[in-house]
Amino acid sequence: MNLIWIIIILICLGYGLISGNLDKIVEACLNTPKDTLDLLIKIGGLIIFYNGIFQIAIKSNMIKKFSKFLYPITKHIFKDIKKDSFVHELISANIIANLLGLGIASTPIAIKALKELKNELVDKTKPSLSMVKLILINIASFTLFPLSILSIRKIYNAKINIELVPLFILSSFILTIIALLLSKLVGRDYE
C-alpha cells in the first residue's frame, strides 16, 4: 500500500511540474494540515455534542424506554438478543441515534454494543450474525432527521435545501434494506 501512495504522489508531482502548477501543489501540501485541523475541530465538535446528548439520554433511562418500544422490530432482526438486556439497550440506542440523524455519534454506541456481543460469544474468533447485522445497519444508518448531513453542509456554507431531506431519508432507507438483505445472505453461513 505504501508503494501505491508513493506512486500517486510521484505522478502528481510529475504532472504539476509538467503543467507548471508545482507551486499550487506545494501550497496545497502546506495548507492541508491546517484544513485537516479545522475539519477535525468542526466535525469533532459535532461528534462530542451529539454523543454528549445521547449519553444523557442513556443515563436518564430514556433509551431504555424507547428500547422497549423498538423491541417488536428488533426482535425480528436480532433474534438472539433478549428484551431487557444491556446489549438490546445499546442496539436500540444505536438505531435511535441513526433515526435522529446523529450517524457520527451512533458509532461509539455501536462499538460498545459490539464489545458486549463479543463478550457473549463462545467462539471469539468469528463474529456473530447479530454483530454483522449491527455493523451493516450502523453503516447504512436509516435516518428520519439527517442532522449530521445538514450540519456538515452548514459548516461548509452549502445551501441547505429542504428538498434534499426526503432524498436523504429515502436513500438511507434503501441502504438499510440492502444491508438487511446482505445480512440475510451472510446469515446463511452462520446457520
Protein backbone atom coordinates (compact mmCIF):
# COMPACT_ATOMS: atom_id res chain seq x y z
CA MET A 1 0.00 0.00 0.00
CA ASN A 2 2.87 2.38 0.75
CA LEU A 3 4.18 1.83 -2.76
CA ILE A 4 0.81 2.85 -4.21
CA TRP A 5 0.86 6.13 -2.25
CA ILE A 6 4.42 6.86 -3.35
CA ILE A 7 3.46 6.24 -6.98
CA ILE A 8 0.41 8.51 -6.68
CA ILE A 9 2.50 11.29 -5.11
CA LEU A 10 5.19 10.99 -7.78
CA ILE A 11 2.58 11.10 -10.57
CA CYS A 12 1.01 14.21 -9.04
CA LEU A 13 4.38 15.93 -8.63
CA GLY A 14 5.35 14.99 -12.19
CA TYR A 15 2.07 16.31 -13.58
CA GLY A 16 2.42 19.50 -11.51
CA LEU A 17 5.94 20.02 -12.83
CA ILE A 18 4.94 19.40 -16.47
CA SER A 19 1.80 21.59 -16.29
CA GLY A 20 3.56 24.41 -14.44
CA ASN A 21 1.38 24.06 -11.34
CA LEU A 22 4.07 22.88 -8.93
CA ASP A 23 3.62 26.00 -6.77
CA LYS A 24 -0.10 25.16 -6.34
CA ILE A 25 0.76 21.59 -5.29
CA VAL A 26 3.28 22.85 -2.72
CA GLU A 27 0.74 25.40 -1.45
CA ALA A 28 -1.93 22.68 -1.14
CA CYS A 29 0.52 20.45 0.75
CA LEU A 30 1.29 23.26 3.19
CA ASN A 31 -2.39 24.14 3.71
CA THR A 32 -3.56 20.55 4.18
CA PRO A 33 -2.60 20.25 7.89
CA LYS A 34 -4.45 23.49 8.73
CA ASP A 35 -7.52 22.43 6.72
CA THR A 36 -7.45 18.99 8.35
CA LEU A 37 -7.29 20.51 11.84
CA ASP A 38 -10.19 22.86 11.04
CA LEU A 39 -12.26 19.93 9.80
CA LEU A 40 -11.35 17.86 12.87
CA ILE A 41 -12.41 20.64 15.23
CA LYS A 42 -15.70 21.26 13.42
CA ILE A 43 -16.71 17.63 12.93
CA GLY A 44 -15.19 16.55 16.26
CA GLY A 45 -17.28 19.20 17.98
CA LEU A 46 -20.42 17.77 16.38
CA ILE A 47 -19.49 14.26 17.46
CA ILE A 48 -18.82 15.34 21.04
CA PHE A 49 -22.02 17.40 21.22
CA TYR A 50 -24.29 14.68 19.82
CA ASN A 51 -22.59 11.93 21.81
CA GLY A 52 -22.95 14.00 25.00
CA ILE A 53 -26.66 14.48 24.41
CA PHE A 54 -27.04 10.79 23.75
CA GLN A 55 -25.15 9.82 26.90
CA ILE A 56 -27.57 12.00 28.88
CA ALA A 57 -30.48 10.16 27.20
CA ILE A 58 -28.92 6.80 28.15
CA LYS A 59 -28.27 7.84 31.78
CA SER A 60 -31.81 9.24 32.16
CA ASN A 61 -33.30 5.88 31.04
CA MET A 62 -34.97 7.46 28.01
CA ILE A 63 -33.21 4.95 25.78
CA LYS A 64 -34.40 2.07 27.97
CA LYS A 65 -37.99 3.23 27.46
CA PHE A 66 -37.51 3.62 23.72
CA SER A 67 -35.80 0.22 23.51
CA LYS A 68 -38.98 -1.41 24.81
CA PHE A 69 -40.90 0.43 22.10
CA LEU A 70 -38.42 -0.81 19.45
CA TYR A 71 -38.40 -4.41 20.65
CA PRO A 72 -41.16 -5.62 18.27
CA ILE A 73 -38.91 -4.55 15.37
CA THR A 74 -35.52 -5.53 16.78
CA LYS A 75 -36.63 -9.00 17.89
CA HIS A 76 -37.03 -9.92 14.20
CA ILE A 77 -33.65 -8.52 13.23
CA PHE A 78 -31.63 -9.64 16.27
CA LYS A 79 -33.20 -12.97 17.18
CA ASP A 80 -30.66 -13.91 19.88
CA ILE A 81 -30.91 -10.65 21.87
CA LYS A 82 -33.09 -10.61 24.98
CA LYS A 83 -35.57 -7.77 25.53
CA ASP A 84 -34.24 -6.39 28.83
CA SER A 85 -30.55 -6.94 28.16
CA PHE A 86 -27.96 -4.15 28.15
CA VAL A 87 -26.99 -5.19 24.60
CA HIS A 88 -30.55 -4.61 23.39
CA GLU A 89 -30.48 -1.19 25.02
CA LEU A 90 -27.23 -0.34 23.20
CA ILE A 91 -28.54 -1.64 19.87
CA SER A 92 -31.71 0.39 20.35
CA ALA A 93 -29.64 3.45 21.24
CA ASN A 94 -27.68 2.97 18.03
CA ILE A 95 -30.85 2.69 15.95
CA ILE A 96 -32.38 5.73 17.65
CA ALA A 97 -29.20 7.76 17.09
CA ASN A 98 -29.31 6.83 13.42
CA LEU A 99 -33.02 7.66 13.15
CA LEU A 100 -32.29 11.10 14.61
CA GLY A 101 -29.55 11.58 12.06
CA LEU A 102 -26.71 11.51 14.56
CA GLY A 103 -24.87 8.96 12.45
CA ILE A 104 -21.44 10.09 13.59
CA ALA A 105 -22.42 9.84 17.25
CA SER A 106 -24.04 6.43 16.82
CA THR A 107 -20.74 4.72 16.02
CA PRO A 108 -19.33 4.80 19.60
CA ILE A 109 -22.60 3.25 20.78
CA ALA A 110 -22.32 0.55 18.10
CA ILE A 111 -18.76 -0.17 19.23
CA LYS A 112 -19.97 -0.63 22.83
CA ALA A 113 -22.72 -2.95 21.63
CA LEU A 114 -20.23 -4.95 19.55
CA LYS A 115 -17.96 -5.35 22.61
CA GLU A 116 -20.91 -6.60 24.66
CA LEU A 117 -21.93 -9.01 21.89
CA LYS A 118 -18.36 -10.27 21.65
CA ASN A 119 -18.33 -11.00 25.39
CA GLU A 120 -21.33 -13.30 24.87
CA LEU A 121 -19.62 -15.31 22.12
CA VAL A 122 -18.41 -18.83 22.73
CA ASP A 123 -16.10 -18.79 19.68
CA LYS A 124 -14.42 -15.37 19.87
CA THR A 125 -12.64 -15.81 16.51
CA LYS A 126 -15.83 -15.47 14.45
CA PRO A 127 -18.37 -12.63 14.80
CA SER A 128 -21.98 -13.50 15.49
CA LEU A 129 -24.74 -12.81 12.99
CA SER A 130 -26.06 -10.09 15.31
CA MET A 131 -22.67 -8.38 15.17
CA VAL A 132 -22.69 -8.47 11.36
CA LYS A 133 -26.25 -7.11 11.24
CA LEU A 134 -25.41 -4.31 13.67
CA ILE A 135 -22.38 -3.25 11.64
CA LEU A 136 -24.38 -3.23 8.40
CA ILE A 137 -27.29 -1.34 9.96
CA ASN A 138 -24.92 1.18 11.52
CA ILE A 139 -23.18 1.77 8.19
CA ALA A 140 -26.48 2.18 6.32
CA SER A 141 -27.85 4.37 9.16
CA PHE A 142 -31.52 4.87 8.27
CA THR A 143 -32.38 8.42 9.31
CA LEU A 144 -35.56 10.44 9.60
CA PHE A 145 -33.80 13.69 10.56
CA PRO A 146 -30.45 13.98 8.72
CA LEU A 147 -28.90 16.34 11.29
CA SER A 148 -25.28 15.31 10.67
CA ILE A 149 -25.52 15.83 6.93
CA LEU A 150 -27.26 19.18 7.34
CA SER A 151 -24.71 20.25 9.97
CA ILE A 152 -21.77 19.38 7.72
CA ARG A 153 -23.40 21.25 4.83
CA LYS A 154 -23.84 24.26 7.16
CA ILE A 155 -20.18 24.12 8.23
CA TYR A 156 -19.09 24.36 4.60
CA ASN A 157 -21.60 27.13 3.84
CA ALA A 158 -23.51 24.91 1.42
CA LYS A 159 -27.05 25.89 0.65
CA ILE A 160 -29.33 23.85 2.88
CA ASN A 161 -32.14 22.72 0.64
CA ILE A 162 -35.12 21.33 2.46
CA GLU A 163 -35.88 19.50 -0.80
CA LEU A 164 -32.85 17.29 -0.17
CA VAL A 165 -34.16 15.92 3.13
CA PRO A 166 -36.62 13.43 1.54
CA LEU A 167 -33.79 12.20 -0.70
CA PHE A 168 -31.55 11.67 2.33
CA ILE A 169 -34.33 9.76 4.09
CA LEU A 170 -35.14 7.64 1.02
CA SER A 171 -31.52 6.79 0.25
CA SER A 172 -30.79 5.83 3.88
CA PHE A 173 -33.94 3.66 3.93
CA ILE A 174 -32.93 1.88 0.71
CA LEU A 175 -29.40 1.36 2.05
CA THR A 176 -30.78 -0.12 5.27
CA ILE A 177 -32.99 -2.54 3.32
CA ILE A 178 -29.97 -3.57 1.24
CA ALA A 179 -27.94 -4.01 4.46
CA LEU A 180 -30.63 -6.27 5.94
CA LEU A 181 -30.78 -8.30 2.72
CA LEU A 182 -26.99 -8.63 2.77
CA SER A 183 -27.11 -9.78 6.37
CA LYS A 184 -29.68 -12.38 5.32
CA LEU A 185 -27.25 -13.66 2.66
CA VAL A 186 -24.35 -13.65 5.12
CA GLY A 187 -26.59 -15.30 7.71
CA ARG A 188 -26.70 -18.46 5.65
CA ASP A 189 -23.05 -19.01 6.55
CA TYR A 190 -23.96 -18.85 10.25
CA GLU A 191 -26.71 -21.48 10.16
